[in-house]
Structures are given as structure tokens and as C-alpha cells.
C-alpha atoms as a PDB file:
ATOM      1  CA  THR A   1      89.843 258.114 146.993  1.00  0.00           C
ATOM      2  CA  VAL A   2      87.579 260.335 149.062  1.00  0.00           C
ATOM      3  CA  THR A   3      85.125 257.594 149.828  1.00  0.00           C
ATOM      4  CA  SER A   4      85.511 255.942 153.213  1.00  0.00           C
ATOM      5  CA  ASP A   5      85.876 252.251 153.899  1.00  0.00           C
ATOM      6  CA  GLY A   6      82.350 251.511 155.099  1.00  0.00           C
ATOM      7  CA  THR A   7      83.230 248.207 156.766  1.00  0.00           C
ATOM      8  CA  ARG A   8      86.128 249.699 158.690  1.00  0.00           C
ATOM      9  CA  TRP A   9      84.015 252.706 159.650  1.00  0.00           C
ATOM     10  CA  LYS A  10      81.236 250.500 161.043  1.00  0.00           C
ATOM     11  CA  ARG A  11      83.755 248.408 162.954  1.00  0.00           C
ATOM     12  CA  SER A  12      85.481 251.474 164.399  1.00  0.00           C
ATOM     13  CA  MET A  13      82.143 252.963 165.420  1.00  0.00           C
ATOM     14  CA  GLN A  14      81.107 249.964 167.514  1.00  0.00           C
ATOM     15  CA  GLY A  15      80.886 250.585 171.260  1.00  0.00           C
ATOM     16  CA  VAL A  16      81.392 254.154 172.420  1.00  0.00           C
ATOM     17  CA  ARG A  17      80.603 256.758 169.778  1.00  0.00           C
ATOM     18  CA  PRO A  18      83.543 259.014 168.906  1.00  0.00           C
ATOM     19  CA  ARG A  19      83.411 262.386 170.666  1.00  0.00           C
ATOM     20  CA  VAL A  20      83.864 265.305 168.280  1.00  0.00           C
ATOM     21  CA  ALA A  21      84.416 269.040 168.646  1.00  0.00           C
ATOM     22  CA  PHE A  22      84.604 271.512 165.780  1.00  0.00           C
ATOM     23  CA  VAL A  23      87.196 274.304 165.930  1.00  0.00           C
ATOM     24  CA  LEU A  24      86.221 277.329 163.863  1.00  0.00           C
ATOM     25  CA  GLY A  25      87.480 280.861 163.396  1.00  0.00           C
ATOM     26  CA  GLY A  26      88.645 283.120 160.623  1.00  0.00           C
ATOM     27  CA  PRO A  27      91.827 282.308 158.690  1.00  0.00           C
ATOM     28  CA  GLY A  28      94.758 283.102 160.963  1.00  0.00           C
ATOM     29  CA  SER A  29      92.712 283.025 164.181  1.00  0.00           C
ATOM     30  CA  GLY A  30      94.963 280.339 165.701  1.00  0.00           C
ATOM     31  CA  LYS A  31      93.070 277.110 165.044  1.00  0.00           C
ATOM     32  CA  GLY A  32      96.161 275.043 164.217  1.00  0.00           C
ATOM     33  CA  THR A  33      98.083 276.248 167.271  1.00  0.00           C
ATOM     34  CA  MET A  34      95.229 275.538 169.674  1.00  0.00           C
ATOM     35  CA  CYS A  35      94.619 272.112 168.159  1.00  0.00           C
ATOM     36  CA  ALA A  36      98.313 271.166 168.454  1.00  0.00           C
ATOM     37  CA  ASN A  37      98.224 272.019 172.153  1.00  0.00           C
ATOM     38  CA  LEU A  38      95.016 270.039 172.679  1.00  0.00           C
ATOM     39  CA  VAL A  39      96.517 267.001 170.941  1.00  0.00           C
ATOM     40  CA  ARG A  40      99.518 267.215 173.282  1.00  0.00           C
ATOM     41  CA  ASP A  41      97.475 267.591 176.467  1.00  0.00           C
ATOM     42  CA  PHE A  42      94.341 265.541 175.789  1.00  0.00           C
ATOM     43  CA  GLY A  43      95.527 262.834 173.370  1.00  0.00           C
ATOM     44  CA  VAL A  44      92.868 263.707 170.816  1.00  0.00           C
ATOM     45  CA  VAL A  45      93.269 263.350 167.053  1.00  0.00           C
ATOM     46  CA  HIS A  46      93.341 266.619 165.129  1.00  0.00           C
ATOM     47  CA  LEU A  47      91.755 266.544 161.682  1.00  0.00           C
ATOM     48  CA  SER A  48      92.124 269.714 159.637  1.00  0.00           C
ATOM     49  CA  ALA A  49      89.624 269.896 156.795  1.00  0.00           C
ATOM     50  CA  GLY A  50      92.027 272.237 155.003  1.00  0.00           C
ATOM     51  CA  ASP A  51      95.016 269.897 155.430  1.00  0.00           C
ATOM     52  CA  LEU A  52      93.001 266.926 154.177  1.00  0.00           C
ATOM     53  CA  LEU A  53      91.908 268.914 151.142  1.00  0.00           C
ATOM     54  CA  ARG A  54      95.457 270.090 150.447  1.00  0.00           C
ATOM     55  CA  ALA A  55      96.741 266.502 150.691  1.00  0.00           C
ATOM     56  CA  GLU A  56      94.049 265.345 148.270  1.00  0.00           C
ATOM     57  CA  ARG A  57      94.916 268.280 146.029  1.00  0.00           C
ATOM     58  CA  ALA A  58      98.552 267.130 145.875  1.00  0.00           C
ATOM     59  CA  SER A  59      97.740 263.426 145.502  1.00  0.00           C
ATOM     60  CA  GLY A  60      97.021 263.549 141.778  1.00  0.00           C
ATOM     61  CA  SER A  61      93.468 262.271 142.307  1.00  0.00           C
ATOM     62  CA  SER A  62      90.588 263.185 140.020  1.00  0.00           C
ATOM     63  CA  ASN A  63      89.453 265.743 142.599  1.00  0.00           C
ATOM     64  CA  GLY A  64      92.877 267.370 142.935  1.00  0.00           C
ATOM     65  CA  GLU A  65      92.585 269.885 140.100  1.00  0.00           C
ATOM     66  CA  MET A  66      89.105 270.999 141.168  1.00  0.00           C
ATOM     67  CA  ILE A  67      90.255 271.388 144.788  1.00  0.00           C
ATOM     68  CA  ASP A  68      93.324 273.355 143.646  1.00  0.00           C
ATOM     69  CA  HIS A  69      91.198 275.833 141.726  1.00  0.00           C
ATOM     70  CA  MET A  70      88.672 276.321 144.513  1.00  0.00           C
ATOM     71  CA  ILE A  71      91.289 276.830 147.234  1.00  0.00           C
ATOM     72  CA  LYS A  72      93.088 279.451 145.129  1.00  0.00           C
ATOM     73  CA  GLU A  73      89.798 281.283 144.631  1.00  0.00           C
ATOM     74  CA  GLY A  74      88.969 281.110 148.338  1.00  0.00           C
ATOM     75  CA  LYS A  75      85.844 279.104 147.548  1.00  0.00           C
ATOM     76  CA  ILE A  76      84.379 276.186 149.463  1.00  0.00           C
ATOM     77  CA  VAL A  77      84.997 272.690 148.102  1.00  0.00           C
ATOM     78  CA  PRO A  78      81.827 270.571 147.527  1.00  0.00           C
ATOM     79  CA  SER A  79      80.589 269.123 150.789  1.00  0.00           C
ATOM     80  CA  GLU A  80      80.562 265.498 149.687  1.00  0.00           C
ATOM     81  CA  VAL A  81      84.304 265.708 149.002  1.00  0.00           C
ATOM     82  CA  THR A  82      85.172 267.258 152.371  1.00  0.00           C
ATOM     83  CA  VAL A  83      82.869 265.014 154.423  1.00  0.00           C
ATOM     84  CA  GLY A  84      84.192 261.961 152.592  1.00  0.00           C
ATOM     85  CA  LEU A  85      87.770 262.889 153.461  1.00  0.00           C
ATOM     86  CA  LEU A  86      86.877 263.503 157.121  1.00  0.00           C
ATOM     87  CA  GLU A  87      84.930 260.266 157.413  1.00  0.00           C
ATOM     88  CA  ALA A  88      87.784 258.273 155.862  1.00  0.00           C
ATOM     89  CA  ALA A  89      90.321 259.898 158.199  1.00  0.00           C
ATOM     90  CA  MET A  90      88.194 259.118 161.267  1.00  0.00           C
ATOM     91  CA  ALA A  91      87.760 255.504 160.187  1.00  0.00           C
ATOM     92  CA  LYS A  92      91.544 255.060 160.032  1.00  0.00           C
ATOM     93  CA  ASN A  93      92.011 256.044 163.689  1.00  0.00           C
ATOM     94  CA  GLU A  94      91.384 253.864 166.720  1.00  0.00           C
ATOM     95  CA  THR A  95      90.862 256.863 168.993  1.00  0.00           C
ATOM     96  CA  LYS A  96      87.398 257.948 170.036  1.00  0.00           C
ATOM     97  CA  ARG A  97      88.105 261.681 170.339  1.00  0.00           C
ATOM     98  CA  PHE A  98      88.532 264.082 167.440  1.00  0.00           C
ATOM     99  CA  LEU A  99      89.060 267.772 166.853  1.00  0.00           C
ATOM    100  CA  ILE A 100      87.939 268.892 163.410  1.00  0.00           C
ATOM    101  CA  ASP A 101      89.113 272.349 162.439  1.00  0.00           C
ATOM    102  CA  GLY A 102      88.062 274.544 159.542  1.00  0.00           C
ATOM    103  CA  PHE A 103      84.759 272.695 159.175  1.00  0.00           C
ATOM    104  CA  PRO A 104      81.831 273.086 158.645  1.00  0.00           C
ATOM    105  CA  ARG A 105      82.428 276.191 156.552  1.00  0.00           C
ATOM    106  CA  ASN A 106      78.831 276.625 155.360  1.00  0.00           C
ATOM    107  CA  PHE A 107      75.335 275.191 155.760  1.00  0.00           C
ATOM    108  CA  GLU A 108      75.889 272.704 152.932  1.00  0.00           C
ATOM    109  CA  ASN A 109      78.950 271.333 154.795  1.00  0.00           C
ATOM    110  CA  ASN A 110      76.964 271.137 158.010  1.00  0.00           C
ATOM    111  CA  SER A 111      73.976 269.441 156.407  1.00  0.00           C
ATOM    112  CA  ALA A 112      76.192 266.809 154.774  1.00  0.00           C
ATOM    113  CA  TRP A 113      77.940 266.188 158.096  1.00  0.00           C
ATOM    114  CA  GLU A 114      74.700 265.883 160.059  1.00  0.00           C
ATOM    115  CA  THR A 115      73.222 263.473 157.506  1.00  0.00           C
ATOM    116  CA  GLN A 116      76.252 261.295 156.815  1.00  0.00           C
ATOM    117  CA  VAL A 117      78.251 261.331 160.059  1.00  0.00           C
ATOM    118  CA  GLY A 118      76.228 263.115 162.759  1.00  0.00           C
ATOM    119  CA  PRO A 119      74.254 260.104 164.049  1.00  0.00           C
ATOM    120  CA  LYS A 120      77.486 258.090 164.447  1.00  0.00           C
ATOM    121  CA  VAL A 121      79.282 260.514 166.788  1.00  0.00           C
ATOM    122  CA  ASP A 122      78.882 262.190 170.172  1.00  0.00           C
ATOM    123  CA  PHE A 123      79.089 265.870 169.266  1.00  0.00           C
ATOM    124  CA  ALA A 124      80.400 268.105 172.064  1.00  0.00           C
ATOM    125  CA  PHE A 125      80.500 271.734 170.892  1.00  0.00           C
ATOM    126  CA  VAL A 126      81.998 274.258 168.489  1.00  0.00           C
ATOM    127  CA  LEU A 127      85.022 276.214 169.715  1.00  0.00           C
ATOM    128  CA  MET A 128      84.967 279.625 168.019  1.00  0.00           C
ATOM    129  CA  LEU A 129      88.234 281.573 168.059  1.00  0.00           C
ATOM    130  CA  GLU A 130      87.326 285.242 167.763  1.00  0.00           C
ATOM    131  CA  CYS A 131      89.985 287.548 166.303  1.00  0.00           C
ATOM    132  CA  PRO A 132      89.904 290.961 164.518  1.00  0.00           C
ATOM    133  CA  GLU A 133      90.456 290.773 160.766  1.00  0.00           C
ATOM    134  CA  SER A 134      93.480 293.092 160.920  1.00  0.00           C
ATOM    135  CA  VAL A 135      95.254 290.749 163.350  1.00  0.00           C
ATOM    136  CA  MET A 136      94.446 287.676 161.257  1.00  0.00           C
ATOM    137  CA  GLU A 137      95.686 289.376 158.073  1.00  0.00           C
ATOM    138  CA  SER A 138      98.993 290.290 159.698  1.00  0.00           C
ATOM    139  CA  ARG A 139      99.470 286.723 160.976  1.00  0.00           C
ATOM    140  CA  LEU A 140      98.725 285.169 157.589  1.00  0.00           C
ATOM    141  CA  LEU A 141     101.055 287.480 155.668  1.00  0.00           C
ATOM    142  CA  LYS A 142     103.843 286.648 158.111  1.00  0.00           C
ATOM    143  CA  ARG A 143     103.094 282.929 157.798  1.00  0.00           C
ATOM    144  CA  GLY A 144     103.098 283.262 154.020  1.00  0.00           C
ATOM    145  CA  GLU A 145     106.768 284.260 154.100  1.00  0.00           C
ATOM    146  CA  THR A 146     107.704 280.692 155.048  1.00  0.00           C
ATOM    147  CA  SER A 147     104.625 278.448 154.684  1.00  0.00           C
ATOM    148  CA  GLY A 148     104.772 277.877 150.957  1.00  0.00           C
ATOM    149  CA  ARG A 149     100.964 277.895 150.915  1.00  0.00           C
ATOM    150  CA  GLY A 150      99.517 279.321 147.724  1.00  0.00           C
ATOM    151  CA  ASP A 151      96.606 280.906 149.596  1.00  0.00           C
ATOM    152  CA  ASP A 152      98.794 282.875 152.049  1.00  0.00           C
ATOM    153  CA  ASN A 153      98.825 285.993 149.862  1.00  0.00           C
ATOM    154  CA  ILE A 154      96.815 289.173 150.273  1.00  0.00           C
ATOM    155  CA  GLU A 155      94.346 288.471 147.445  1.00  0.00           C
ATOM    156  CA  SER A 156      93.510 284.943 148.601  1.00  0.00           C
ATOM    157  CA  ILE A 157      93.462 286.026 152.252  1.00  0.00           C
ATOM    158  CA  ARG A 158      90.783 288.659 151.628  1.00  0.00           C
ATOM    159  CA  LYS A 159      88.703 286.215 149.620  1.00  0.00           C
ATOM    160  CA  ARG A 160      88.947 283.784 152.540  1.00  0.00           C
ATOM    161  CA  PHE A 161      87.820 286.492 154.977  1.00  0.00           C
ATOM    162  CA  ASN A 162      84.775 287.223 152.805  1.00  0.00           C
ATOM    163  CA  THR A 163      83.916 283.534 152.570  1.00  0.00           C
ATOM    164  CA  TYR A 164      84.167 283.173 156.356  1.00  0.00           C
ATOM    165  CA  ILE A 165      81.924 286.176 157.042  1.00  0.00           C
ATOM    166  CA  ASN A 166      79.310 285.329 154.417  1.00  0.00           C
ATOM    167  CA  GLU A 167      79.152 281.548 154.722  1.00  0.00           C
ATOM    168  CA  SER A 168      80.720 280.380 157.993  1.00  0.00           C
ATOM    169  CA  MET A 169      79.275 282.925 160.403  1.00  0.00           C
ATOM    170  CA  PRO A 170      75.676 281.734 159.808  1.00  0.00           C
ATOM    171  CA  VAL A 171      76.789 278.198 160.770  1.00  0.00           C
ATOM    172  CA  LEU A 172      78.215 279.552 164.024  1.00  0.00           C
ATOM    173  CA  GLU A 173      74.929 281.318 164.704  1.00  0.00           C
ATOM    174  CA  TYR A 174      73.123 278.008 164.077  1.00  0.00           C
ATOM    175  CA  TYR A 175      75.201 276.263 166.755  1.00  0.00           C
ATOM    176  CA  GLU A 176      74.836 279.206 169.119  1.00  0.00           C
ATOM    177  CA  LYS A 177      71.057 278.812 168.982  1.00  0.00           C
ATOM    178  CA  GLN A 178      71.539 275.174 169.987  1.00  0.00           C
ATOM    179  CA  GLY A 179      73.695 276.171 172.953  1.00  0.00           C
ATOM    180  CA  LYS A 180      76.691 274.442 171.360  1.00  0.00           C
ATOM    181  CA  LEU A 181      78.944 277.457 170.680  1.00  0.00           C
ATOM    182  CA  ARG A 182      81.914 278.283 172.940  1.00  0.00           C
ATOM    183  CA  ARG A 183      83.683 281.600 172.212  1.00  0.00           C
ATOM    184  CA  VAL A 184      87.318 282.368 173.071  1.00  0.00           C
ATOM    185  CA  LEU A 185      89.092 285.624 172.150  1.00  0.00           C
ATOM    186  CA  SER A 186      92.262 284.726 170.258  1.00  0.00           C
ATOM    187  CA  ASP A 187      93.922 288.110 169.689  1.00  0.00           C
ATOM    188  CA  ARG A 188      95.800 287.696 172.989  1.00  0.00           C
ATOM    189  CA  PRO A 189      99.107 286.011 173.846  1.00  0.00           C
ATOM    190  CA  VAL A 190      98.992 282.318 172.905  1.00  0.00           C
ATOM    191  CA  ASP A 191      99.378 281.117 176.510  1.00  0.00           C
ATOM    192  CA  ASP A 192      96.408 283.223 177.632  1.00  0.00           C
ATOM    193  CA  VAL A 193      94.205 281.950 174.808  1.00  0.00           C
ATOM    194  CA  TYR A 194      95.164 278.358 175.466  1.00  0.00           C
ATOM    195  CA  ALA A 195      94.526 278.651 179.197  1.00  0.00           C
ATOM    196  CA  ASP A 196      90.871 279.382 178.394  1.00  0.00           C
ATOM    197  CA  VAL A 197      90.710 276.655 175.746  1.00  0.00           C
ATOM    198  CA  HIS A 198      92.293 274.106 178.083  1.00  0.00           C
ATOM    199  CA  ALA A 199      89.805 274.932 180.837  1.00  0.00           C
ATOM    200  CA  LEU A 200      86.917 274.532 178.394  1.00  0.00           C
ATOM    201  CA  PHE A 201      88.068 271.129 177.170  1.00  0.00           C
ATOM    202  CA  THR A 202      88.815 269.919 180.693  1.00  0.00           C
ATOM    203  CA  LYS A 203      85.271 270.764 181.741  1.00  0.00           C
ATOM    204  CA  GLU A 204      83.239 269.878 178.660  1.00  0.00           C
ATOM    205  CA  PHE A 205      85.171 267.532 176.383  1.00  0.00           C
ATOM    206  CA  SER A 206      87.195 265.097 178.471  1.00  0.00           C
ATOM    207  CA  GLN A 207      85.540 261.789 179.145  1.00  0.00           C
ATOM    208  CA  THR A 208      86.562 258.309 180.238  1.00  0.00           C
ATOM    209  CA  GLN A 209      86.566 255.819 177.407  1.00  0.00           C
END
């Protein structure tokens, strides 16, 4: 089910509010790699909106078929489904620090988050990984050789690029106006990118629980 356990959520939210950062960037910009490093070094929990949706898609739930179709078309899954999955995943964890990557992908996502979850968390910032489309396309095609992901093919990749430009970029501009956007260029060697990301999280995300 995509609905969260309300009692468990309320219990887990008592005391210090969970600290949350969003990690956004085009498909293939390096979100998963950066998040894996941050989990290792900061002990945060990484929640990938895409991974949660893919797990739900494979679970045989009533939402699975709809999610399958929308992912293949490069479209954005209804916000209530995605936010429900994220909220349920957060409620299952005892930690108070989360990275959420690949979300919010549009204003509808963001509105649902701000209404349903926003007041319950301590929101830090959005990390935006900036990368040229040509570099991202090359990375995704290479990943597609071994990933087994149905959306790592040229047709789906280009649909995902269009969705990101048309629907996700305005969300990034929204957070930039609030002073909550942190940009890092990710078309460089991984160690160089992560050095900047690590410095950012050391300065602005780490906190004593």
C-alpha cells in the first residue's frame, strides 16, 4: 500500500523534526552516486523516489500497472502516489536525516509534499547537479547496457530529458527564489564533484541530534 502508517509516522516525528534535503538533476546527472557517498559519510538515509516507484511497480499492487506505463512514457506519476511512498518510507526509519532524490519533479509534487509532509520536517536545501544533456545521455546509454532498466533506452531517455526541462526546472527556480538551491557541476570526475557536495553537506546539513 502507498498509504503511510499514520500512528507510526506521528510517533517517529516526535521530538526533533527529521532534516531533509532534496537531490535533483537531470537523468544521469549522478544523483545516485552522490547519495551513496553521502550515506557512507554522513549516516543519512537515501530515499529515491524513482526506486520507490519501481519497487511499487514490481510489487503487483493496484498502482503497479499505472506506474509501469507512466515510467515507460517518461511521464510523472500522480503526486499522491509518490508522496505516499516517501512518507511511508520515512516513517519506517528511526533516523532523523534523509536525502530524497528525483523529487519533487513538478509543482504538483512539490505542492503535495509541502501540504502533507512539509510542516513535519526541517527542510535544508535542494542540491542541484548540473550536467550537459550530451553527457547525461552517454552515461544513461552505458548504464542501460547492464542496468536492466526499461527506461534506459534512447527513446525513454529523451522523453525524460524533456520532462525534466519542462516540469522540473520551474521547481528548481522556485527553490532558488527562496534561497534554498545549491548548484554543483556534475560533468567532472566523480571525486571532484563529491568534494564540493561533501563540503556543502558538512557546512549546511550536518546537525547534532
